[in-house]
PDB file of N, CA and C in Angstrom:
ATOM      1  N   MET A   1       0.823  -1.184   0.000  1.00  0.00           N
ATOM      2  CA  MET A   1       0.000   0.000   0.000  1.00  0.00           C
ATOM      3  C   MET A   1       0.873   1.256   0.000  1.00  0.00           C
ATOM      4  N   GLU A   2       1.958   1.184   0.759  1.00  0.00           N
ATOM      5  CA  GLU A   2       2.833   2.353   0.860  1.00  0.00           C
ATOM      6  C   GLU A   2       3.454   2.681  -0.500  1.00  0.00           C
ATOM      7  N   GLU A   3       3.843   1.649  -1.258  1.00  0.00           N
ATOM      8  CA  GLU A   3       4.436   1.888  -2.573  1.00  0.00           C
ATOM      9  C   GLU A   3       3.422   2.464  -3.545  1.00  0.00           C
ATOM     10  N   LEU A   4       2.166   2.015  -3.410  1.00  0.00           N
ATOM     11  CA  LEU A   4       1.105   2.535  -4.270  1.00  0.00           C
ATOM     12  C   LEU A   4       0.849   4.008  -3.981  1.00  0.00           C
ATOM     13  N   VAL A   5       0.855   4.369  -2.702  1.00  0.00           N
ATOM     14  CA  VAL A   5       0.640   5.769  -2.329  1.00  0.00           C
ATOM     15  C   VAL A   5       1.801   6.628  -2.829  1.00  0.00           C
ATOM     16  N   LYS A   6       3.046   6.115  -2.736  1.00  0.00           N
ATOM     17  CA  LYS A   6       4.197   6.871  -3.244  1.00  0.00           C
ATOM     18  C   LYS A   6       4.117   7.034  -4.756  1.00  0.00           C
ATOM     19  N   ALA A   7       3.654   5.997  -5.440  1.00  0.00           N
ATOM     20  CA  ALA A   7       3.550   6.060  -6.901  1.00  0.00           C
ATOM     21  C   ALA A   7       2.497   7.066  -7.331  1.00  0.00           C
ATOM     22  N   LEU A   8       1.454   7.222  -6.507  1.00  0.00           N
ATOM     23  CA  LEU A   8       0.378   8.160  -6.838  1.00  0.00           C
ATOM     24  C   LEU A   8       0.619   9.552  -6.258  1.00  0.00           C
ATOM     25  N   GLY A   9       1.824   9.810  -5.761  1.00  0.00           N
ATOM     26  CA  GLY A   9       2.161  11.096  -5.155  1.00  0.00           C
ATOM     27  C   GLY A   9       1.857  12.293  -6.036  1.00  0.00           C
ATOM     28  N   PRO A  10       2.158  12.240  -7.332  1.00  0.00           N
ATOM     29  CA  PRO A  10       1.871  13.405  -8.181  1.00  0.00           C
ATOM     30  C   PRO A  10       0.374  13.650  -8.383  1.00  0.00           C
ATOM     31  N   TRP A  11      -0.449  12.675  -8.102  1.00  0.00           N
ATOM     32  CA  TRP A  11      -1.898  12.833  -8.283  1.00  0.00           C
ATOM     33  C   TRP A  11      -2.604  12.686  -6.932  1.00  0.00           C
ATOM     34  N   PRO A  12      -2.706  13.759  -6.166  1.00  0.00           N
ATOM     35  CA  PRO A  12      -3.248  13.653  -4.800  1.00  0.00           C
ATOM     36  C   PRO A  12      -4.733  13.244  -4.781  1.00  0.00           C
ATOM     37  N   MET A  13      -5.500  13.603  -5.811  1.00  0.00           N
ATOM     38  CA  MET A  13      -6.909  13.218  -5.803  1.00  0.00           C
ATOM     39  C   MET A  13      -7.042  11.703  -5.945  1.00  0.00           C
ATOM     40  N   VAL A  14      -6.270  11.103  -6.842  1.00  0.00           N
ATOM     41  CA  VAL A  14      -6.302   9.651  -7.024  1.00  0.00           C
ATOM     42  C   VAL A  14      -5.779   8.962  -5.767  1.00  0.00           C
ATOM     43  N   GLN A  15      -4.767   9.567  -5.153  1.00  0.00           N
ATOM     44  CA  GLN A  15      -4.215   9.033  -3.914  1.00  0.00           C
ATOM     45  C   GLN A  15      -5.304   9.001  -2.826  1.00  0.00           C
ATOM     46  N   GLY A  16      -6.092  10.049  -2.706  1.00  0.00           N
ATOM     47  CA  GLY A  16      -7.183  10.087  -1.731  1.00  0.00           C
ATOM     48  C   GLY A  16      -8.247   9.044  -2.026  1.00  0.00           C
ATOM     49  N   ILE A  17      -8.529   8.853  -3.315  1.00  0.00           N
ATOM     50  CA  ILE A  17      -9.530   7.849  -3.700  1.00  0.00           C
ATOM     51  C   ILE A  17      -9.053   6.451  -3.332  1.00  0.00           C
ATOM     52  N   VAL A  18      -7.779   6.151  -3.598  1.00  0.00           N
ATOM     53  CA  VAL A  18      -7.229   4.827  -3.286  1.00  0.00           C
ATOM     54  C   VAL A  18      -7.237   4.594  -1.775  1.00  0.00           C
ATOM     55  N   ILE A  19      -6.830   5.579  -1.004  1.00  0.00           N
ATOM     56  CA  ILE A  19      -6.854   5.441   0.466  1.00  0.00           C
ATOM     57  C   ILE A  19      -8.285   5.237   0.947  1.00  0.00           C
ATOM     58  N   GLY A  20      -9.223   5.974   0.371  1.00  0.00           N
ATOM     59  CA  GLY A  20     -10.630   5.810   0.733  1.00  0.00           C
ATOM     60  C   GLY A  20     -11.150   4.420   0.429  1.00  0.00           C
ATOM     61  N   LEU A  21     -10.737   3.862  -0.729  1.00  0.00           N
ATOM     62  CA  LEU A  21     -11.147   2.499  -1.077  1.00  0.00           C
ATOM     63  C   LEU A  21     -10.571   1.481  -0.102  1.00  0.00           C
ATOM     64  N   PHE A  22      -9.292   1.670   0.311  1.00  0.00           N
ATOM     65  CA  PHE A  22      -8.701   0.770   1.302  1.00  0.00           C
ATOM     66  C   PHE A  22      -9.458   0.824   2.627  1.00  0.00           C
ATOM     67  N   VAL A  23      -9.818   2.015   3.073  1.00  0.00           N
ATOM     68  CA  VAL A  23     -10.565   2.169   4.327  1.00  0.00           C
ATOM     69  C   VAL A  23     -11.950   1.537   4.190  1.00  0.00           C
ATOM     70  N   ALA A  24     -12.607   1.742   3.055  1.00  0.00           N
ATOM     71  CA  ALA A  24     -13.925   1.154   2.840  1.00  0.00           C
ATOM     72  C   ALA A  24     -13.847  -0.367   2.819  1.00  0.00           C
ATOM     73  N   ALA A  25     -12.797  -0.902   2.186  1.00  0.00           N
ATOM     74  CA  ALA A  25     -12.627  -2.361   2.147  1.00  0.00           C
ATOM     75  C   ALA A  25     -12.405  -2.915   3.551  1.00  0.00           C
ATOM     76  N   ALA A  26     -11.591  -2.234   4.349  1.00  0.00           N
ATOM     77  CA  ALA A  26     -11.354  -2.688   5.721  1.00  0.00           C
ATOM     78  C   ALA A  26     -12.656  -2.635   6.541  1.00  0.00           C
ATOM     79  N   GLY A  27     -13.430  -1.584   6.367  1.00  0.00           N
ATOM     80  CA  GLY A  27     -14.717  -1.486   7.075  1.00  0.00           C
ATOM     81  C   GLY A  27     -15.682  -2.565   6.637  1.00  0.00           C
ATOM     82  N   PHE A  28     -15.754  -2.833   5.345  1.00  0.00           N
ATOM     83  CA  PHE A  28     -16.633  -3.881   4.833  1.00  0.00           C
ATOM     84  C   PHE A  28     -16.222  -5.238   5.393  1.00  0.00           C
ATOM     85  N   TRP A  29     -14.905  -5.506   5.429  1.00  0.00           N
ATOM     86  CA  TRP A  29     -14.430  -6.772   5.963  1.00  0.00           C
ATOM     87  C   TRP A  29     -14.789  -6.909   7.442  1.00  0.00           C
ATOM     88  N   ALA A  30     -14.634  -5.831   8.217  1.00  0.00           N
ATOM     89  CA  ALA A  30     -14.934  -5.888   9.649  1.00  0.00           C
ATOM     90  C   ALA A  30     -16.427  -6.126   9.886  1.00  0.00           C
ATOM     91  N   ILE A  31     -17.267  -5.469   9.111  1.00  0.00           N
ATOM     92  CA  ILE A  31     -18.716  -5.663   9.265  1.00  0.00           C
ATOM     93  C   ILE A  31     -19.094  -7.094   8.901  1.00  0.00           C
ATOM     94  N   ARG A  32     -18.553  -7.587   7.797  1.00  0.00           N
ATOM     95  CA  ARG A  32     -18.877  -8.957   7.366  1.00  0.00           C
ATOM     96  C   ARG A  32     -18.408  -9.974   8.396  1.00  0.00           C
ATOM     97  N   LYS A  33     -17.221  -9.787   8.926  1.00  0.00           N
ATOM     98  CA  LYS A  33     -16.682 -10.690   9.947  1.00  0.00           C
ATOM     99  C   LYS A  33     -17.553 -10.651  11.201  1.00  0.00           C
ATOM    100  N   GLY A  34     -17.979  -9.473  11.597  1.00  0.00           N
ATOM    101  CA  GLY A  34     -18.839  -9.350  12.773  1.00  0.00           C
ATOM    102  C   GLY A  34     -20.183 -10.021  12.571  1.00  0.00           C
ATOM    103  N   LEU A  35     -20.754  -9.881  11.384  1.00  0.00           N
ATOM    104  CA  LEU A  35     -22.037 -10.526  11.109  1.00  0.00           C
ATOM    105  C   LEU A  35     -21.890 -12.042  11.082  1.00  0.00           C
ATOM    106  N   GLN A  36     -20.791 -12.540  10.539  1.00  0.00           N
ATOM    107  CA  GLN A  36     -20.580 -13.985  10.518  1.00  0.00           C
ATOM    108  C   GLN A  36     -20.403 -14.532  11.923  1.00  0.00           C
ATOM    109  N   ASP A  37     -19.690 -13.799  12.771  1.00  0.00           N
ATOM    110  CA  ASP A  37     -19.495 -14.250  14.150  1.00  0.00           C
ATOM    111  C   ASP A  37     -20.801 -14.235  14.927  1.00  0.00           C
ATOM    112  N   SER A  38     -21.682 -13.291  14.621  1.00  0.00           N
ATOM    113  CA  SER A  38     -22.947 -13.221  15.364  1.00  0.00           C
ATOM    114  C   SER A  38     -23.899 -14.337  14.964  1.00  0.00           C
ATOM    115  N   ARG A  39     -23.682 -14.944  13.788  1.00  0.00           N
ATOM    116  CA  ARG A  39     -24.563 -16.016  13.329  1.00  0.00           C
ATOM    117  C   ARG A  39     -24.139 -17.390  13.825  1.00  0.00           C
ATOM    118  N   LYS A  40     -22.963 -17.488  14.404  1.00  0.00           N
ATOM    119  CA  LYS A  40     -22.485 -18.789  14.868  1.00  0.00           C
ATOM    120  C   LYS A  40     -23.397 -19.294  15.986  1.00  0.00           C
ATOM    121  N   GLU A  41     -23.650 -20.594  15.958  1.00  0.00           N
ATOM    122  CA  GLU A  41     -24.513 -21.175  16.978  1.00  0.00           C
ATOM    123  C   GLU A  41     -23.723 -21.358  18.263  1.00  0.00           C
ATOM    124  N   THR A  42     -24.385 -21.052  19.362  1.00  0.00           N
ATOM    125  CA  THR A  42     -23.733 -21.175  20.656  1.00  0.00           C
ATOM    126  C   THR A  42     -24.019 -22.511  21.301  1.00  0.00           C
ATOM    127  N   GLY A  43     -24.874 -23.322  20.699  1.00  0.00           N
ATOM    128  CA  GLY A  43     -25.216 -24.598  21.283  1.00  0.00           C
ATOM    129  C   GLY A  43     -26.348 -24.503  22.285  1.00  0.00           C
ATOM    130  N   HIS A  44     -26.809 -23.306  22.536  1.00  0.00           N
ATOM    131  CA  HIS A  44     -27.904 -23.102  23.484  1.00  0.00           C
ATOM    132  C   HIS A  44     -29.227 -23.256  22.751  1.00  0.00           C
ATOM    133  N   VAL A  45     -30.055 -24.142  23.248  1.00  0.00           N
ATOM    134  CA  VAL A  45     -31.356 -24.369  22.636  1.00  0.00           C
ATOM    135  C   VAL A  45     -32.418 -23.720  23.522  1.00  0.00           C
ATOM    136  N   PRO A  46     -33.152 -22.761  22.982  1.00  0.00           N
ATOM    137  CA  PRO A  46     -34.189 -22.135  23.808  1.00  0.00           C
ATOM    138  C   PRO A  46     -35.303 -23.133  24.102  1.00  0.00           C
ATOM    139  N   ARG A  47     -35.793 -23.077  25.332  1.00  0.00           N
ATOM    140  CA  ARG A  47     -36.861 -23.972  25.742  1.00  0.00           C
ATOM    141  C   ARG A  47     -38.084 -23.161  26.121  1.00  0.00           C
ATOM    142  N   VAL A  48     -39.230 -23.685  25.786  1.00  0.00           N
ATOM    143  CA  VAL A  48     -40.483 -23.055  26.157  1.00  0.00           C
ATOM    144  C   VAL A  48     -40.878 -23.613  27.511  1.00  0.00           C
ATOM    145  N   VAL A  49     -41.120 -22.706  28.449  1.00  0.00           N
ATOM    146  CA  VAL A  49     -41.479 -23.123  29.794  1.00  0.00           C
ATOM    147  C   VAL A  49     -42.892 -22.648  30.080  1.00  0.00           C
ATOM    148  N   ARG A  50     -43.742 -23.553  30.470  1.00  0.00           N
ATOM    149  CA  ARG A  50     -45.106 -23.199  30.832  1.00  0.00           C
ATOM    150  C   ARG A  50     -45.183 -23.173  32.351  1.00  0.00           C
ATOM    151  N   ILE A  51     -45.662 -22.057  32.852  1.00  0.00           N
ATOM    152  CA  ILE A  51     -45.744 -21.892  34.297  1.00  0.00           C
ATOM    153  C   ILE A  51     -47.162 -22.206  34.743  1.00  0.00           C
ATOM    154  N   GLU A  52     -47.275 -23.154  35.619  1.00  0.00           N
ATOM    155  CA  GLU A  52     -48.565 -23.492  36.215  1.00  0.00           C
ATOM    156  C   GLU A  52     -48.636 -22.819  37.576  1.00  0.00           C
ATOM    157  N   HIS A  53     -49.643 -21.996  37.756  1.00  0.00           N
ATOM    158  CA  HIS A  53     -49.803 -21.296  39.021  1.00  0.00           C
ATOM    159  C   HIS A  53     -50.669 -22.118  39.970  1.00  0.00           C
ATOM    160  N   THR A  54     -50.327 -22.019  41.242  1.00  0.00           N
ATOM    161  CA  THR A  54     -51.167 -22.661  42.243  1.00  0.00           C
ATOM    162  C   THR A  54     -52.404 -21.814  42.451  1.00  0.00           C
ATOM    163  N   ASP A  55     -53.380 -22.356  43.177  1.00  0.00           N
ATOM    164  CA  ASP A  55     -54.609 -21.598  43.440  1.00  0.00           C
ATOM    165  C   ASP A  55     -54.317 -20.323  44.216  1.00  0.00           C
ATOM    166  N   GLU A  56     -53.372 -20.391  45.152  1.00  0.00           N
ATOM    167  CA  GLU A  56     -53.035 -19.208  45.943  1.00  0.00           C
ATOM    168  C   GLU A  56     -52.401 -18.131  45.054  1.00  0.00           C
ATOM    169  N   GLU A  57     -51.513 -18.543  44.134  1.00  0.00           N
ATOM    170  CA  GLU A  57     -50.895 -17.575  43.231  1.00  0.00           C
ATOM    171  C   GLU A  57     -51.931 -16.965  42.290  1.00  0.00           C
ATOM    172  N   LYS A  58     -52.895 -17.763  41.847  1.00  0.00           N
ATOM    173  CA  LYS A  58     -53.964 -17.232  41.007  1.00  0.00           C
ATOM    174  C   LYS A  58     -54.791 -16.223  41.782  1.00  0.00           C
ATOM    175  N   ARG A  59     -55.051 -16.495  43.053  1.00  0.00           N
ATOM    176  CA  ARG A  59     -55.807 -15.571  43.900  1.00  0.00           C
ATOM    177  C   ARG A  59     -55.036 -14.256  44.061  1.00  0.00           C
ATOM    178  N   TRP A  60     -53.721 -14.357  44.293  1.00  0.00           N
ATOM    179  CA  TRP A  60     -52.894 -13.150  44.415  1.00  0.00           C
ATOM    180  C   TRP A  60     -52.922 -12.347  43.121  1.00  0.00           C
ATOM    181  N   GLN A  61     -52.861 -13.049  41.989  1.00  0.00           N
ATOM    182  CA  GLN A  61     -52.896 -12.359  40.700  1.00  0.00           C
ATOM    183  C   GLN A  61     -54.235 -11.656  40.515  1.00  0.00           C
ATOM    184  N   TRP A  62     -55.318 -12.304  40.896  1.00  0.00           N
ATOM    185  CA  TRP A  62     -56.636 -11.684  40.776  1.00  0.00           C
ATOM    186  C   TRP A  62     -56.747 -10.462  41.676  1.00  0.00           C
ATOM    187  N   GLU A  63     -56.213 -10.562  42.885  1.00  0.00           N
ATOM    188  CA  GLU A  63     -56.213  -9.410  43.790  1.00  0.00           C
ATOM    189  C   GLU A  63     -55.388  -8.262  43.202  1.00  0.00           C
ATOM    190  N   ALA A  64     -54.271  -8.577  42.576  1.00  0.00           N
ATOM    191  CA  ALA A  64     -53.452  -7.534  41.955  1.00  0.00           C
ATOM    192  C   ALA A  64     -54.225  -6.847  40.835  1.00  0.00           C
ATOM    193  N   TYR A  65     -54.973  -7.619  40.025  1.00  0.00           N
ATOM    194  CA  TYR A  65     -55.775  -7.016  38.959  1.00  0.00           C
ATOM    195  C   TYR A  65     -56.861  -6.125  39.538  1.00  0.00           C
ATOM    196  N   LYS A  66     -57.470  -6.545  40.648  1.00  0.00           N
ATOM    197  CA  LYS A  66     -58.495  -5.702  41.278  1.00  0.00           C
ATOM    198  C   LYS A  66     -57.887  -4.405  41.794  1.00  0.00           C
ATOM    199  N   GLN A  67     -56.698  -4.500  42.380  1.00  0.00           N
ATOM    200  CA  GLN A  67     -56.022  -3.299  42.866  1.00  0.00           C
ATOM    201  C   GLN A  67     -55.680  -2.361  41.713  1.00  0.00           C
ATOM    202  N   LEU A  68     -55.256  -2.923  40.578  1.00  0.00           N
ATOM    203  CA  LEU A  68     -54.983  -2.086  39.413  1.00  0.00           C
ATOM    204  C   LEU A  68     -56.249  -1.363  38.955  1.00  0.00           C
ATOM    205  N   GLY A  69     -57.383  -2.057  39.018  1.00  0.00           N
ATOM    206  CA  GLY A  69     -58.651  -1.415  38.668  1.00  0.00           C
ATOM    207  C   GLY A  69     -58.966  -0.261  39.594  1.00  0.00           C
ATOM    208  N   HIS A  70     -58.710  -0.438  40.902  1.00  0.00           N
ATOM    209  CA  HIS A  70     -58.941   0.646  41.861  1.00  0.00           C
ATOM    210  C   HIS A  70     -58.001   1.819  41.591  1.00  0.00           C
ATOM    211  N   ILE A  71     -56.749   1.500  41.273  1.00  0.00           N
ATOM    212  CA  ILE A  71     -55.787   2.566  40.982  1.00  0.00           C
ATOM    213  C   ILE A  71     -56.224   3.347  39.753  1.00  0.00           C
ATOM    214  N   GLU A  72     -56.702   2.652  38.734  1.00  0.00           N
ATOM    215  CA  GLU A  72     -57.157   3.326  37.522  1.00  0.00           C
ATOM    216  C   GLU A  72     -58.330   4.247  37.837  1.00  0.00           C
ATOM    217  N   LYS A  73     -59.283   3.747  38.597  1.00  0.00           N
ATOM    218  CA  LYS A  73     -60.454   4.546  38.953  1.00  0.00           C
ATOM    219  C   LYS A  73     -60.045   5.762  39.783  1.00  0.00           C
ATOM    220  N   ASN A  74     -59.164   5.528  40.757  1.00  0.00           N
ATOM    221  CA  ASN A  74     -58.745   6.616  41.630  1.00  0.00           C
ATOM    222  C   ASN A  74     -57.869   7.630  40.898  1.00  0.00           C
ATOM    223  N   SER A  75     -57.143   7.206  39.871  1.00  0.00           N
ATOM    224  CA  SER A  75     -56.279   8.152  39.173  1.00  0.00           C
ATOM    225  C   SER A  75     -57.106   9.231  38.478  1.00  0.00           C
ATOM    226  N   PHE A  76     -58.297   8.873  37.971  1.00  0.00           N
ATOM    227  CA  PHE A  76     -59.152   9.887  37.359  1.00  0.00           C
ATOM    228  C   PHE A  76     -59.664  10.858  38.404  1.00  0.00           C
ATOM    229  N   GLU A  77     -59.998  10.345  39.589  1.00  0.00           N
ATOM    230  CA  GLU A  77     -60.437  11.228  40.668  1.00  0.00           C
ATOM    231  C   GLU A  77     -59.305  12.143  41.122  1.00  0.00           C
ATOM    232  N   ILE A  78     -58.088  11.598  41.196  1.00  0.00           N
ATOM    233  CA  ILE A  78     -56.938  12.410  41.597  1.00  0.00           C
ATOM    234  C   ILE A  78     -56.688  13.506  40.570  1.00  0.00           C
ATOM    235  N   ALA A  79     -56.816  13.179  39.294  1.00  0.00           N
ATOM    236  CA  ALA A  79     -56.622  14.191  38.250  1.00  0.00           C
ATOM    237  C   ALA A  79     -57.669  15.296  38.376  1.00  0.00           C
ATOM    238  N   LYS A  80     -58.919  14.930  38.671  1.00  0.00           N
ATOM    239  CA  LYS A  80     -59.987  15.927  38.836  1.00  0.00           C
ATOM    240  C   LYS A  80     -59.691  16.825  40.027  1.00  0.00           C
ATOM    241  N   HIS A  81     -59.272  16.219  41.154  1.00  0.00           N
ATOM    242  CA  HIS A  81     -58.946  17.019  42.335  1.00  0.00           C
ATOM    243  C   HIS A  81     -57.740  17.924  42.074  1.00  0.00           C
ATOM    244  N   SER A  82     -56.773  17.439  41.293  1.00  0.00           N
ATOM    245  CA  SER A  82     -55.609  18.267  40.963  1.00  0.00           C
ATOM    246  C   SER A  82     -56.028  19.469  40.119  1.00  0.00           C
ATOM    247  N   GLU A  83     -56.927  19.262  39.183  1.00  0.00           N
ATOM    248  CA  GLU A  83     -57.421  20.390  38.381  1.00  0.00           C
ATOM    249  C   GLU A  83     -58.133  21.401  39.267  1.00  0.00           C
ATOM    250  N   ASP A  84     -58.938  20.917  40.223  1.00  0.00           N
ATOM    251  CA  ASP A  84     -59.613  21.832  41.153  1.00  0.00           C
ATOM    252  C   ASP A  84     -58.602  22.597  41.996  1.00  0.00           C
ATOM    253  N   ALA A  85     -57.542  21.918  42.453  1.00  0.00           N
ATOM    254  CA  ALA A  85     -56.520  22.578  43.264  1.00  0.00           C
ATOM    255  C   ALA A  85     -55.800  23.655  42.461  1.00  0.00           C
ATOM    256  N   VAL A  86     -55.523  23.370  41.201  1.00  0.00           N
ATOM    257  CA  VAL A  86     -54.864  24.373  40.347  1.00  0.00           C
ATOM    258  C   VAL A  86     -55.764  25.589  40.180  1.00  0.00           C
ATOM    259  N   GLU A  87     -57.054  25.343  39.973  1.00  0.00           N
ATOM    260  CA  GLU A  87     -57.990  26.469  39.832  1.00  0.00           C
ATOM    261  C   GLU A  87     -58.041  27.306  41.111  1.00  0.00           C
ATOM    262  N   LEU A  88     -58.046  26.646  42.276  1.00  0.00           N
ATOM    263  CA  LEU A  88     -58.038  27.396  43.539  1.00  0.00           C
ATOM    264  C   LEU A  88     -56.747  28.192  43.702  1.00  0.00           C
ATOM    265  N   LEU A  89     -55.622  27.610  43.309  1.00  0.00           N
ATOM    266  CA  LEU A  89     -54.360  28.345  43.397  1.00  0.00           C
ATOM    267  C   LEU A  89     -54.361  29.564  42.476  1.00  0.00           C
ATOM    268  N   ARG A  90     -54.993  29.441  41.317  1.00  0.00           N
ATOM    269  CA  ARG A  90     -55.104  30.601  40.420  1.00  0.00           C
ATOM    270  C   ARG A  90     -55.927  31.699  41.070  1.00  0.00           C
ATOM    271  N   GLU A  91     -57.009  31.316  41.747  1.00  0.00           N
ATOM    272  CA  GLU A  91     -57.840  32.307  42.437  1.00  0.00           C
ATOM    273  C   GLU A  91     -57.051  32.988  43.555  1.00  0.00           C
ATOM    274  N   VAL A  92     -56.254  32.206  44.294  1.00  0.00           N
ATOM    275  CA  VAL A  92     -55.432  32.779  45.362  1.00  0.00           C
ATOM    276  C   VAL A  92     -54.415  33.751  44.767  1.00  0.00           C
ATOM    277  N   ALA A  93     -53.792  33.371  43.636  1.00  0.00           N
ATOM    278  CA  ALA A  93     -52.821  34.258  42.995  1.00  0.00           C
ATOM    279  C   ALA A  93     -53.485  35.552  42.530  1.00  0.00           C
ATOM    280  N   LYS A  94     -54.721  35.448  42.019  1.00  0.00           N
ATOM    281  CA  LYS A  94     -55.445  36.663  41.612  1.00  0.00           C
ATOM    282  C   LYS A  94     -55.711  37.550  42.810  1.00  0.00           C
ATOM    283  N   GLY A  95     -56.086  36.944  43.946  1.00  0.00           N
ATOM    284  CA  GLY A  95     -56.334  37.723  45.162  1.00  0.00           C
ATOM    285  C   GLY A  95     -55.079  38.411  45.656  1.00  0.00           C
ATOM    286  N   ILE A  96     -53.951  37.694  45.630  1.00  0.00           N
ATOM    287  CA  ILE A  96     -52.682  38.296  46.063  1.00  0.00           C
ATOM    288  C   ILE A  96     -52.306  39.443  45.146  1.00  0.00           C
ATOM    289  N   ASN A  97     -52.526  39.277  43.851  1.00  0.00           N
ATOM    290  CA  ASN A  97     -52.221  40.352  42.904  1.00  0.00           C
ATOM    291  C   ASN A  97     -53.109  41.570  43.163  1.00  0.00           C
ATOM    292  N   ARG A  98     -54.394  41.330  43.462  1.00  0.00           N
ATOM    293  CA  ARG A  98     -55.276  42.473  43.765  1.00  0.00           C
ATOM    294  C   ARG A  98     -54.824  43.197  45.022  1.00  0.00           C
ATOM    295  N   MET A  99     -54.401  42.437  46.051  1.00  0.00           N
ATOM    296  CA  MET A  99     -53.912  43.068  47.279  1.00  0.00           C
ATOM    297  C   MET A  99     -52.633  43.856  47.009  1.00  0.00           C
ATOM    298  N   ALA A 100     -51.733  43.307  46.197  1.00  0.00           N
ATOM    299  CA  ALA A 100     -50.490  44.012  45.875  1.00  0.00           C
ATOM    300  C   ALA A 100     -50.793  45.270  45.069  1.00  0.00           C
ATOM    301  N   ASP A 101     -51.766  45.210  44.147  1.00  0.00           N
ATOM    302  CA  ASP A 101     -52.150  46.388  43.375  1.00  0.00           C
ATOM    303  C   ASP A 101     -52.728  47.460  44.280  1.00  0.00           C
ATOM    304  N   ALA A 102     -53.567  47.043  45.228  1.00  0.00           N
ATOM    305  CA  ALA A 102     -54.163  48.015  46.154  1.00  0.00           C
ATOM    306  C   ALA A 102     -53.085  48.667  47.003  1.00  0.00           C
ATOM    307  N   TYR A 103     -52.126  47.902  47.477  1.00  0.00           N
ATOM    308  CA  TYR A 103     -51.036  48.462  48.273  1.00  0.00           C
ATOM    309  C   TYR A 103     -50.206  49.414  47.425  1.00  0.00           C
ATOM    310  N   TRP A 104     -49.903  49.017  46.182  1.00  0.00           N
ATOM    311  CA  TRP A 104     -49.118  49.873  45.303  1.00  0.00           C
ATOM    312  C   TRP A 104     -49.850  51.185  45.007  1.00  0.00           C
ATOM    313  N   ASN A 105     -51.149  51.080  44.748  1.00  0.00           N
ATOM    314  CA  ASN A 105     -51.922  52.282  44.442  1.00  0.00           C
ATOM    315  C   ASN A 105     -52.045  53.202  45.642  1.00  0.00           C
ATOM    316  N   SER A 106     -52.105  52.625  46.842  1.00  0.00           N
ATOM    317  CA  SER A 106     -52.188  53.479  48.028  1.00  0.00           C
ATOM    318  C   SER A 106     -50.875  54.196  48.290  1.00  0.00           C
ATOM    319  N   ARG A 107     -49.757  53.675  47.847  1.00  0.00           N
ATOM    320  CA  ARG A 107     -48.465  54.295  48.044  1.00  0.00           C
ATOM    321  C   ARG A 107     -48.193  55.404  47.031  1.00  0.00           C
ATOM    322  N   GLN A 108     -48.960  55.469  45.964  1.00  0.00           N
ATOM    323  CA  GLN A 108     -48.735  56.462  44.919  1.00  0.00           C
ATOM    324  C   GLN A 108     -49.280  57.801  45.287  1.00  0.00           C
TER     325      GLN A 108
END
């Protein structure tokens, strides 16, 4: 490669193209090698496992689903109460602004 680059010394554009092709070839080789290595079999055979739950575990799962239902229902109520709280805070801010305006106007 070094001799080729020296031979192309008078033509720097061709020299850049040749160096670019060498870099591209090295990158292509590395990608291909990596893909081939990732396809090699590791000898591990995936197994399908079926989990049988006991009656107690099924009961716990059902209780968890019921609790999720309560959380869902309560989250809408919490959102409604949060909106009401924001509205009350806006009213308080308006009142504070009116008091500050009255104080400012009395000082003028």
